[in-house]
Amino acid sequence: MSGRVVIPIHDDCGRLVAYAGRSVDGRQPRYLFPAGFVKSQVLFNFHHAAAAGSDTVWVVEGFFDCLRVSQAGMESVVALMGTELYEHPAQLLAERFARVMLLLDGDEAGRKGSDRVAARLKDRCEVQVIRLPEGAQPDQLAAELLHGLMERAIRGSYSVANSKRSGDCVPPSIQLSIG
């Protein structure tokens, strides 16, 4: 794990199940996971988010997005460790939270991932997609700015537009602008 920040990963009960290594010096791959670890079955920080006592959870892509959102004052936040949400983690979210706020990166992968995650959850709980400007990532935003954007999204002070593609019904999304 030389040249990497080591991040502990816990299951939904808080048991340590793996460590991830994120490159800090440009080495590839950017993330290393131990052999046998199946990241699609775990939501990073779920045990803390569930314990926060909120009925709303923020869902982001990565570890550092999760940390930044938490620093911005939203204690109930989980990371997908990517842009996909599989059945077991989707079930955990729907059983524990009434409202899911999707805040994935402002790139094509993040937009497409938001649509897939929203479609998977839309019949199980309230889902809101927050779209960041092109190229923006939650972990790169100042905590104060991110907190303000998130508070406005929660209050619904942005216009909401339904987004439908190829017959799929995607929950409403909010386009956030910075500046």
N, C-alpha and C. Protein backbone atom coordinates (compact mmCIF):
# COMPACT_ATOMS: atom_id res chain seq x y z
N MET A 1 0.83 -1.20 0.00
CA MET A 1 0.00 0.00 0.00
C MET A 1 0.87 1.26 0.00
N SER A 2 2.07 1.12 -0.44
CA SER A 2 2.97 2.26 -0.53
C SER A 2 2.40 3.32 -1.48
N GLY A 3 2.47 4.59 -1.07
CA GLY A 3 1.96 5.68 -1.90
C GLY A 3 0.45 5.75 -1.92
N ARG A 4 -0.19 5.20 -0.90
CA ARG A 4 -1.65 5.17 -0.85
C ARG A 4 -2.17 5.55 0.54
N VAL A 5 -3.33 6.18 0.55
CA VAL A 5 -4.06 6.40 1.79
C VAL A 5 -4.87 5.13 2.01
N VAL A 6 -4.78 4.57 3.21
CA VAL A 6 -5.49 3.33 3.52
C VAL A 6 -6.80 3.69 4.24
N ILE A 7 -7.88 3.13 3.73
CA ILE A 7 -9.22 3.46 4.21
C ILE A 7 -9.90 2.19 4.70
N PRO A 8 -10.34 2.16 5.97
CA PRO A 8 -11.05 0.98 6.47
C PRO A 8 -12.48 0.95 5.94
N ILE A 9 -12.95 -0.24 5.61
CA ILE A 9 -14.32 -0.42 5.11
C ILE A 9 -15.03 -1.38 6.05
N HIS A 10 -16.23 -0.96 6.48
CA HIS A 10 -17.03 -1.75 7.41
C HIS A 10 -18.32 -2.19 6.73
N ASP A 11 -18.88 -3.29 7.21
CA ASP A 11 -20.17 -3.74 6.68
C ASP A 11 -21.29 -2.96 7.36
N ASP A 12 -22.53 -3.30 7.05
CA ASP A 12 -23.67 -2.56 7.58
C ASP A 12 -23.81 -2.69 9.09
N CYS A 13 -23.17 -3.68 9.70
CA CYS A 13 -23.20 -3.84 11.16
C CYS A 13 -22.00 -3.19 11.85
N GLY A 14 -21.10 -2.61 11.06
CA GLY A 14 -19.94 -1.95 11.63
C GLY A 14 -18.71 -2.82 11.76
N ARG A 15 -18.76 -4.05 11.25
CA ARG A 15 -17.60 -4.94 11.31
C ARG A 15 -16.61 -4.59 10.20
N LEU A 16 -15.35 -4.53 10.55
CA LEU A 16 -14.31 -4.25 9.56
C LEU A 16 -14.24 -5.42 8.58
N VAL A 17 -14.39 -5.13 7.27
CA VAL A 17 -14.38 -6.20 6.28
C VAL A 17 -13.23 -6.07 5.28
N ALA A 18 -12.64 -4.88 5.17
CA ALA A 18 -11.55 -4.70 4.21
C ALA A 18 -10.89 -3.35 4.43
N TYR A 19 -9.75 -3.20 3.78
CA TYR A 19 -9.09 -1.91 3.66
C TYR A 19 -8.95 -1.60 2.18
N ALA A 20 -9.13 -0.36 1.81
CA ALA A 20 -8.89 0.07 0.43
C ALA A 20 -7.68 0.99 0.44
N GLY A 21 -6.95 0.99 -0.63
CA GLY A 21 -5.81 1.88 -0.77
C GLY A 21 -6.03 2.81 -1.94
N ARG A 22 -6.05 4.13 -1.67
CA ARG A 22 -6.23 5.11 -2.73
C ARG A 22 -4.89 5.77 -3.04
N SER A 23 -4.54 5.76 -4.31
CA SER A 23 -3.27 6.33 -4.75
C SER A 23 -3.23 7.83 -4.47
N VAL A 24 -2.10 8.28 -3.91
CA VAL A 24 -1.91 9.71 -3.68
C VAL A 24 -0.79 10.27 -4.57
N ASP A 25 -0.16 9.39 -5.31
CA ASP A 25 0.96 9.83 -6.15
C ASP A 25 0.76 9.51 -7.64
N GLY A 26 -0.49 9.28 -8.04
CA GLY A 26 -0.79 9.04 -9.44
C GLY A 26 -0.63 7.61 -9.90
N ARG A 27 -0.24 6.71 -9.02
CA ARG A 27 -0.10 5.32 -9.41
C ARG A 27 -1.45 4.74 -9.83
N GLN A 28 -1.38 3.79 -10.73
CA GLN A 28 -2.56 3.07 -11.17
C GLN A 28 -2.49 1.64 -10.66
N PRO A 29 -3.55 1.01 -10.34
CA PRO A 29 -4.88 1.58 -10.36
C PRO A 29 -5.06 2.60 -9.23
N ARG A 30 -6.02 3.47 -9.42
CA ARG A 30 -6.26 4.53 -8.45
C ARG A 30 -6.66 3.95 -7.09
N TYR A 31 -7.46 2.86 -7.12
CA TYR A 31 -7.90 2.20 -5.88
C TYR A 31 -7.46 0.75 -5.90
N LEU A 32 -7.01 0.26 -4.76
CA LEU A 32 -6.70 -1.15 -4.58
C LEU A 32 -7.60 -1.71 -3.49
N PHE A 33 -8.17 -2.87 -3.77
CA PHE A 33 -8.99 -3.58 -2.80
C PHE A 33 -8.38 -4.96 -2.61
N PRO A 34 -8.56 -5.57 -1.45
CA PRO A 34 -7.99 -6.91 -1.24
C PRO A 34 -8.69 -7.95 -2.11
N ALA A 35 -7.95 -8.98 -2.46
CA ALA A 35 -8.52 -10.09 -3.22
C ALA A 35 -9.71 -10.65 -2.45
N GLY A 36 -10.78 -10.93 -3.17
CA GLY A 36 -11.96 -11.51 -2.56
C GLY A 36 -12.97 -10.51 -2.03
N PHE A 37 -12.58 -9.25 -1.89
CA PHE A 37 -13.52 -8.23 -1.41
C PHE A 37 -14.45 -7.85 -2.55
N VAL A 38 -15.76 -7.88 -2.29
CA VAL A 38 -16.77 -7.55 -3.30
C VAL A 38 -17.40 -6.22 -2.92
N LYS A 39 -16.88 -5.14 -3.51
CA LYS A 39 -17.33 -3.80 -3.12
C LYS A 39 -18.80 -3.55 -3.47
N SER A 40 -19.34 -4.28 -4.42
CA SER A 40 -20.73 -4.08 -4.81
C SER A 40 -21.71 -4.51 -3.73
N GLN A 41 -21.24 -5.21 -2.70
CA GLN A 41 -22.12 -5.69 -1.63
C GLN A 41 -22.04 -4.83 -0.37
N VAL A 42 -21.23 -3.76 -0.41
CA VAL A 42 -21.00 -2.92 0.77
C VAL A 42 -21.20 -1.46 0.41
N LEU A 43 -21.84 -0.73 1.28
CA LEU A 43 -21.93 0.72 1.17
C LEU A 43 -20.97 1.32 2.19
N PHE A 44 -20.00 2.07 1.73
CA PHE A 44 -19.04 2.69 2.63
C PHE A 44 -19.76 3.64 3.57
N ASN A 45 -19.53 3.51 4.86
CA ASN A 45 -20.06 4.37 5.92
C ASN A 45 -21.52 4.11 6.27
N PHE A 46 -22.12 3.03 5.77
CA PHE A 46 -23.52 2.77 6.05
C PHE A 46 -23.80 2.67 7.55
N HIS A 47 -22.93 2.01 8.29
CA HIS A 47 -23.18 1.83 9.73
C HIS A 47 -23.24 3.17 10.46
N HIS A 48 -22.43 4.14 10.05
CA HIS A 48 -22.51 5.48 10.66
C HIS A 48 -23.75 6.23 10.20
N ALA A 49 -24.06 6.13 8.90
CA ALA A 49 -25.23 6.82 8.36
C ALA A 49 -26.51 6.33 9.04
N ALA A 50 -26.62 5.03 9.22
CA ALA A 50 -27.80 4.46 9.86
C ALA A 50 -27.92 4.90 11.31
N ALA A 51 -26.79 5.04 11.98
CA ALA A 51 -26.79 5.43 13.39
C ALA A 51 -27.07 6.93 13.58
N ALA A 52 -26.97 7.71 12.52
CA ALA A 52 -27.17 9.17 12.63
C ALA A 52 -28.62 9.52 12.96
N GLY A 53 -29.55 8.61 12.71
CA GLY A 53 -30.94 8.85 13.11
C GLY A 53 -31.78 9.63 12.12
N SER A 54 -31.27 9.91 10.94
CA SER A 54 -32.02 10.66 9.93
C SER A 54 -32.81 9.69 9.05
N ASP A 55 -33.91 10.18 8.49
CA ASP A 55 -34.63 9.36 7.51
C ASP A 55 -34.16 9.67 6.09
N THR A 56 -33.19 10.59 5.96
CA THR A 56 -32.62 10.96 4.67
C THR A 56 -31.15 10.57 4.64
N VAL A 57 -30.72 9.99 3.52
CA VAL A 57 -29.31 9.64 3.34
C VAL A 57 -28.81 10.25 2.04
N TRP A 58 -27.57 10.72 2.08
CA TRP A 58 -26.89 11.22 0.88
C TRP A 58 -26.05 10.08 0.33
N VAL A 59 -26.12 9.87 -0.97
CA VAL A 59 -25.35 8.82 -1.62
C VAL A 59 -24.38 9.47 -2.60
N VAL A 60 -23.10 9.18 -2.42
CA VAL A 60 -22.04 9.73 -3.26
C VAL A 60 -21.23 8.57 -3.85
N GLU A 61 -20.26 8.91 -4.70
CA GLU A 61 -19.47 7.87 -5.36
C GLU A 61 -18.35 7.31 -4.49
N GLY A 62 -17.49 8.18 -3.96
CA GLY A 62 -16.26 7.70 -3.37
C GLY A 62 -16.06 8.06 -1.91
N PHE A 63 -14.97 7.49 -1.37
CA PHE A 63 -14.62 7.71 0.03
C PHE A 63 -14.48 9.18 0.37
N PHE A 64 -13.74 9.91 -0.45
CA PHE A 64 -13.46 11.31 -0.13
C PHE A 64 -14.68 12.20 -0.35
N ASP A 65 -15.55 11.82 -1.29
CA ASP A 65 -16.84 12.51 -1.41
C ASP A 65 -17.62 12.33 -0.11
N CYS A 66 -17.62 11.12 0.41
CA CYS A 66 -18.34 10.81 1.64
C CYS A 66 -17.80 11.64 2.81
N LEU A 67 -16.49 11.70 2.91
CA LEU A 67 -15.88 12.49 4.00
C LEU A 67 -16.21 13.97 3.86
N ARG A 68 -16.17 14.50 2.65
CA ARG A 68 -16.45 15.92 2.43
C ARG A 68 -17.91 16.25 2.77
N VAL A 69 -18.83 15.39 2.35
CA VAL A 69 -20.25 15.63 2.67
C VAL A 69 -20.46 15.57 4.18
N SER A 70 -19.80 14.66 4.84
CA SER A 70 -19.89 14.59 6.30
C SER A 70 -19.33 15.85 6.94
N GLN A 71 -18.20 16.34 6.44
CA GLN A 71 -17.62 17.59 6.94
C GLN A 71 -18.54 18.78 6.70
N ALA A 72 -19.36 18.69 5.66
CA ALA A 72 -20.29 19.78 5.35
C ALA A 72 -21.52 19.74 6.25
N GLY A 73 -21.59 18.77 7.14
CA GLY A 73 -22.67 18.75 8.12
C GLY A 73 -23.74 17.70 7.90
N MET A 74 -23.60 16.89 6.88
CA MET A 74 -24.59 15.83 6.63
C MET A 74 -24.01 14.51 7.14
N GLU A 75 -24.42 14.10 8.32
CA GLU A 75 -23.86 12.91 8.95
C GLU A 75 -24.32 11.62 8.28
N SER A 76 -25.48 11.65 7.68
CA SER A 76 -26.04 10.46 7.07
C SER A 76 -25.65 10.41 5.60
N VAL A 77 -24.48 9.85 5.33
CA VAL A 77 -23.94 9.79 3.96
C VAL A 77 -23.23 8.46 3.76
N VAL A 78 -23.43 7.87 2.57
CA VAL A 78 -22.76 6.63 2.20
C VAL A 78 -22.11 6.80 0.83
N ALA A 79 -21.12 5.96 0.57
CA ALA A 79 -20.47 5.97 -0.74
C ALA A 79 -20.66 4.62 -1.42
N LEU A 80 -20.93 4.68 -2.71
CA LEU A 80 -21.12 3.48 -3.51
C LEU A 80 -19.81 2.77 -3.82
N MET A 81 -18.70 3.51 -3.74
CA MET A 81 -17.40 3.03 -4.20
C MET A 81 -17.49 2.76 -5.70
N GLY A 82 -18.09 3.70 -6.40
CA GLY A 82 -18.30 3.61 -7.83
C GLY A 82 -19.60 4.30 -8.20
N THR A 83 -20.21 3.87 -9.30
CA THR A 83 -21.46 4.49 -9.74
C THR A 83 -22.62 3.51 -9.83
N GLU A 84 -22.42 2.30 -9.33
CA GLU A 84 -23.46 1.28 -9.40
C GLU A 84 -24.02 0.99 -8.02
N LEU A 85 -25.30 0.62 -7.99
CA LEU A 85 -25.95 0.18 -6.76
C LEU A 85 -26.59 -1.17 -7.04
N TYR A 86 -26.14 -2.18 -6.33
CA TYR A 86 -26.64 -3.53 -6.54
C TYR A 86 -27.75 -3.84 -5.54
N GLU A 87 -28.36 -5.00 -5.68
CA GLU A 87 -29.58 -5.32 -4.94
C GLU A 87 -29.42 -5.27 -3.42
N HIS A 88 -28.42 -5.90 -2.86
CA HIS A 88 -28.28 -5.92 -1.40
C HIS A 88 -28.12 -4.51 -0.83
N PRO A 89 -27.20 -3.69 -1.33
CA PRO A 89 -27.11 -2.32 -0.81
C PRO A 89 -28.38 -1.50 -1.06
N ALA A 90 -29.05 -1.73 -2.18
CA ALA A 90 -30.30 -1.01 -2.45
C ALA A 90 -31.35 -1.37 -1.41
N GLN A 91 -31.41 -2.64 -1.06
CA GLN A 91 -32.34 -3.10 -0.04
C GLN A 91 -32.02 -2.46 1.32
N LEU A 92 -30.74 -2.39 1.67
CA LEU A 92 -30.34 -1.75 2.93
C LEU A 92 -30.80 -0.30 2.97
N LEU A 93 -30.56 0.43 1.89
CA LEU A 93 -30.96 1.85 1.84
C LEU A 93 -32.47 1.99 2.00
N ALA A 94 -33.22 1.21 1.24
CA ALA A 94 -34.69 1.33 1.25
C ALA A 94 -35.29 0.92 2.59
N GLU A 95 -34.67 -0.04 3.25
CA GLU A 95 -35.20 -0.48 4.56
C GLU A 95 -34.91 0.53 5.66
N ARG A 96 -33.83 1.26 5.55
CA ARG A 96 -33.41 2.16 6.63
C ARG A 96 -33.80 3.62 6.41
N PHE A 97 -33.88 4.06 5.14
CA PHE A 97 -34.10 5.48 4.84
C PHE A 97 -35.34 5.68 3.97
N ALA A 98 -36.09 6.73 4.29
CA ALA A 98 -37.28 7.06 3.49
C ALA A 98 -36.91 7.91 2.28
N ARG A 99 -35.78 8.61 2.36
CA ARG A 99 -35.40 9.55 1.30
C ARG A 99 -33.92 9.38 0.97
N VAL A 100 -33.63 9.29 -0.32
CA VAL A 100 -32.26 9.15 -0.80
C VAL A 100 -31.94 10.34 -1.70
N MET A 101 -30.87 11.03 -1.35
CA MET A 101 -30.39 12.17 -2.14
C MET A 101 -29.13 11.72 -2.88
N LEU A 102 -29.20 11.60 -4.19
CA LEU A 102 -28.05 11.15 -4.99
C LEU A 102 -27.21 12.34 -5.40
N LEU A 103 -25.94 12.32 -5.01
CA LEU A 103 -25.01 13.40 -5.32
C LEU A 103 -23.73 12.79 -5.91
N LEU A 104 -23.86 12.28 -7.13
CA LEU A 104 -22.71 11.70 -7.80
C LEU A 104 -21.96 12.78 -8.56
N ASP A 105 -20.79 12.43 -9.06
CA ASP A 105 -19.93 13.40 -9.74
C ASP A 105 -20.61 14.00 -10.97
N GLY A 106 -20.17 15.20 -11.32
CA GLY A 106 -20.73 15.91 -12.46
C GLY A 106 -20.05 15.56 -13.77
N ASP A 107 -19.89 14.27 -14.01
CA ASP A 107 -19.34 13.82 -15.29
C ASP A 107 -20.33 12.83 -15.90
N GLU A 108 -20.02 12.33 -17.08
CA GLU A 108 -20.94 11.41 -17.75
C GLU A 108 -21.20 10.16 -16.92
N ALA A 109 -20.15 9.59 -16.34
CA ALA A 109 -20.31 8.39 -15.52
C ALA A 109 -21.22 8.67 -14.32
N GLY A 110 -21.05 9.83 -13.70
CA GLY A 110 -21.88 10.20 -12.55
C GLY A 110 -23.34 10.41 -12.94
N ARG A 111 -23.56 11.07 -14.09
CA ARG A 111 -24.94 11.30 -14.54
C ARG A 111 -25.63 9.98 -14.88
N LYS A 112 -24.95 9.12 -15.62
CA LYS A 112 -25.54 7.83 -15.98
C LYS A 112 -25.73 6.96 -14.74
N GLY A 113 -24.76 6.99 -13.83
CA GLY A 113 -24.88 6.24 -12.59
C GLY A 113 -26.06 6.71 -11.76
N SER A 114 -26.25 8.03 -11.67
CA SER A 114 -27.39 8.59 -10.93
C SER A 114 -28.70 8.07 -11.49
N ASP A 115 -28.81 8.04 -12.82
CA ASP A 115 -30.04 7.55 -13.45
C ASP A 115 -30.29 6.08 -13.12
N ARG A 116 -29.23 5.25 -13.17
CA ARG A 116 -29.39 3.82 -12.87
C ARG A 116 -29.76 3.60 -11.40
N VAL A 117 -29.08 4.32 -10.50
CA VAL A 117 -29.37 4.17 -9.07
C VAL A 117 -30.79 4.64 -8.77
N ALA A 118 -31.18 5.77 -9.34
CA ALA A 118 -32.53 6.30 -9.12
C ALA A 118 -33.59 5.32 -9.62
N ALA A 119 -33.35 4.74 -10.78
CA ALA A 119 -34.31 3.77 -11.33
C ALA A 119 -34.43 2.55 -10.43
N ARG A 120 -33.32 2.11 -9.83
CA ARG A 120 -33.35 0.94 -8.95
C ARG A 120 -34.12 1.24 -7.66
N LEU A 121 -34.06 2.49 -7.17
CA LEU A 121 -34.66 2.83 -5.88
C LEU A 121 -36.05 3.45 -5.97
N LYS A 122 -36.45 3.93 -7.13
CA LYS A 122 -37.64 4.79 -7.24
C LYS A 122 -38.93 4.17 -6.71
N ASP A 123 -39.07 2.87 -6.74
CA ASP A 123 -40.29 2.24 -6.24
C ASP A 123 -40.18 1.83 -4.77
N ARG A 124 -39.04 2.12 -4.15
CA ARG A 124 -38.81 1.68 -2.77
C ARG A 124 -38.77 2.83 -1.78
N CYS A 125 -38.37 4.02 -2.24
CA CYS A 125 -38.25 5.17 -1.35
C CYS A 125 -38.24 6.44 -2.21
N GLU A 126 -38.33 7.58 -1.55
CA GLU A 126 -38.23 8.85 -2.27
C GLU A 126 -36.79 9.04 -2.71
N VAL A 127 -36.61 9.43 -3.97
CA VAL A 127 -35.28 9.61 -4.52
C VAL A 127 -35.19 10.99 -5.17
N GLN A 128 -34.11 11.68 -4.88
CA GLN A 128 -33.85 12.95 -5.54
C GLN A 128 -32.43 12.93 -6.08
N VAL A 129 -32.29 13.32 -7.34
CA VAL A 129 -30.99 13.36 -8.00
C VAL A 129 -30.52 14.81 -8.02
N ILE A 130 -29.34 15.05 -7.48
CA ILE A 130 -28.73 16.38 -7.50
C ILE A 130 -27.59 16.32 -8.51
N ARG A 131 -27.69 17.12 -9.54
CA ARG A 131 -26.68 17.10 -10.61
C ARG A 131 -25.72 18.27 -10.43
N LEU A 132 -24.47 17.94 -10.23
CA LEU A 132 -23.43 18.96 -10.13
C LEU A 132 -23.04 19.43 -11.53
N PRO A 133 -22.46 20.61 -11.62
CA PRO A 133 -21.98 21.08 -12.93
C PRO A 133 -20.93 20.12 -13.51
N GLU A 134 -20.78 20.15 -14.82
CA GLU A 134 -19.83 19.29 -15.52
C GLU A 134 -18.45 19.34 -14.85
N GLY A 135 -17.94 18.17 -14.52
CA GLY A 135 -16.61 18.05 -13.95
C GLY A 135 -16.52 18.25 -12.45
N ALA A 136 -17.57 18.74 -11.80
CA ALA A 136 -17.53 18.98 -10.36
C ALA A 136 -17.67 17.67 -9.59
N GLN A 137 -16.97 17.59 -8.45
CA GLN A 137 -17.05 16.43 -7.57
C GLN A 137 -17.27 16.93 -6.15
N PRO A 138 -18.11 16.24 -5.38
CA PRO A 138 -18.35 16.68 -4.00
C PRO A 138 -17.08 16.87 -3.18
N ASP A 139 -16.08 16.00 -3.36
CA ASP A 139 -14.88 16.10 -2.54
C ASP A 139 -14.02 17.30 -2.89
N GLN A 140 -14.28 17.96 -4.01
CA GLN A 140 -13.49 19.12 -4.40
C GLN A 140 -14.15 20.44 -4.04
N LEU A 141 -15.37 20.38 -3.53
CA LEU A 141 -16.08 21.60 -3.16
C LEU A 141 -15.75 21.98 -1.72
N ALA A 142 -15.65 23.25 -1.45
CA ALA A 142 -15.43 23.72 -0.09
C ALA A 142 -16.62 23.30 0.76
N ALA A 143 -16.36 22.91 1.99
CA ALA A 143 -17.42 22.41 2.88
C ALA A 143 -18.56 23.40 3.02
N GLU A 144 -18.26 24.70 3.13
CA GLU A 144 -19.31 25.70 3.30
C GLU A 144 -20.19 25.79 2.06
N LEU A 145 -19.57 25.76 0.88
CA LEU A 145 -20.32 25.81 -0.37
C LEU A 145 -21.17 24.56 -0.52
N LEU A 146 -20.59 23.42 -0.26
CA LEU A 146 -21.32 22.16 -0.38
C LEU A 146 -22.49 22.14 0.59
N HIS A 147 -22.28 22.58 1.83
CA HIS A 147 -23.36 22.62 2.81
C HIS A 147 -24.51 23.49 2.31
N GLY A 148 -24.22 24.66 1.78
CA GLY A 148 -25.26 25.55 1.27
C GLY A 148 -26.03 24.92 0.12
N LEU A 149 -25.33 24.30 -0.81
CA LEU A 149 -25.99 23.64 -1.94
C LEU A 149 -26.88 22.51 -1.46
N MET A 150 -26.40 21.74 -0.51
CA MET A 150 -27.17 20.61 -0.01
C MET A 150 -28.40 21.07 0.77
N GLU A 151 -28.26 22.09 1.56
CA GLU A 151 -29.41 22.63 2.30
C GLU A 151 -30.49 23.11 1.35
N ARG A 152 -30.09 23.81 0.28
CA ARG A 152 -31.07 24.28 -0.70
C ARG A 152 -31.73 23.11 -1.42
N ALA A 153 -30.98 22.06 -1.69
CA ALA A 153 -31.56 20.88 -2.34
C ALA A 153 -32.59 20.22 -1.43
N ILE A 154 -32.28 20.12 -0.14
CA ILE A 154 -33.21 19.53 0.82
C ILE A 154 -34.50 20.34 0.90
N ARG A 155 -34.37 21.67 0.92
CA ARG A 155 -35.55 22.55 1.01
C ARG A 155 -36.30 22.61 -0.31
N GLY A 156 -35.68 22.13 -1.39
CA GLY A 156 -36.36 22.14 -2.68
C GLY A 156 -36.42 23.51 -3.32
N SER A 157 -35.42 24.35 -3.05
CA SER A 157 -35.47 25.71 -3.59
C SER A 157 -34.94 25.80 -5.02
N TYR A 158 -34.71 24.65 -5.64
CA TYR A 158 -34.33 24.61 -7.04
C TYR A 158 -35.50 24.06 -7.83
N SER A 159 -35.63 24.49 -9.07
CA SER A 159 -36.71 23.95 -9.88
C SER A 159 -36.38 22.49 -10.19
N VAL A 160 -37.41 21.69 -10.20
CA VAL A 160 -37.26 20.26 -10.43
C VAL A 160 -37.84 19.93 -11.79
N ALA A 161 -37.07 19.20 -12.59
CA ALA A 161 -37.53 18.81 -13.92
C ALA A 161 -37.48 17.29 -14.03
N ASN A 162 -38.56 16.70 -14.51
CA ASN A 162 -38.54 15.26 -14.74
C ASN A 162 -37.69 14.94 -15.94
N SER A 163 -37.01 13.85 -15.85
CA SER A 163 -36.10 13.42 -16.89
C SER A 163 -36.53 12.05 -17.35
N LYS A 164 -36.91 11.90 -18.60
CA LYS A 164 -37.31 10.58 -19.11
C LYS A 164 -36.46 10.24 -20.32
N ARG A 165 -35.91 9.04 -20.31
CA ARG A 165 -35.08 8.57 -21.42
C ARG A 165 -35.48 7.16 -21.78
N SER A 166 -35.67 6.91 -23.01
CA SER A 166 -35.95 5.56 -23.53
C SER A 166 -37.05 4.86 -22.73
N GLY A 167 -38.07 5.60 -22.32
CA GLY A 167 -39.17 5.01 -21.60
C GLY A 167 -38.93 4.80 -20.12
N ASP A 168 -37.68 4.98 -19.66
CA ASP A 168 -37.41 4.83 -18.23
C ASP A 168 -37.89 6.07 -17.49
N CYS A 169 -38.56 5.85 -16.40
CA CYS A 169 -38.99 6.98 -15.58
C CYS A 169 -37.91 7.21 -14.52
N VAL A 170 -37.27 8.34 -14.59
CA VAL A 170 -36.23 8.70 -13.64
C VAL A 170 -36.81 9.75 -12.72
N PRO A 171 -36.61 9.63 -11.41
CA PRO A 171 -37.13 10.62 -10.47
C PRO A 171 -36.63 12.03 -10.80
N PRO A 172 -37.28 13.03 -10.24
CA PRO A 172 -36.88 14.42 -10.51
C PRO A 172 -35.41 14.66 -10.19
N SER A 173 -34.81 15.56 -10.94
CA SER A 173 -33.43 15.92 -10.66
C SER A 173 -33.33 17.41 -10.48
N ILE A 174 -32.31 17.82 -9.74
CA ILE A 174 -32.03 19.22 -9.48
C ILE A 174 -30.68 19.53 -10.09
N GLN A 175 -30.62 20.58 -10.88
CA GLN A 175 -29.35 21.01 -11.45
C GLN A 175 -28.78 22.09 -10.53
N LEU A 176 -27.66 21.81 -9.89
CA LEU A 176 -27.04 22.79 -9.01
C LEU A 176 -25.98 23.55 -9.77
N SER A 177 -25.94 24.84 -9.55
CA SER A 177 -24.88 25.63 -10.15
C SER A 177 -24.03 26.23 -9.04
N ILE A 178 -22.76 26.38 -9.32
CA ILE A 178 -21.83 26.92 -8.35
C ILE A 178 -21.45 28.31 -8.78
N GLY A 179 -21.51 29.24 -7.83
CA GLY A 179 -21.08 30.59 -8.15
C GLY A 179 -22.15 31.61 -8.01
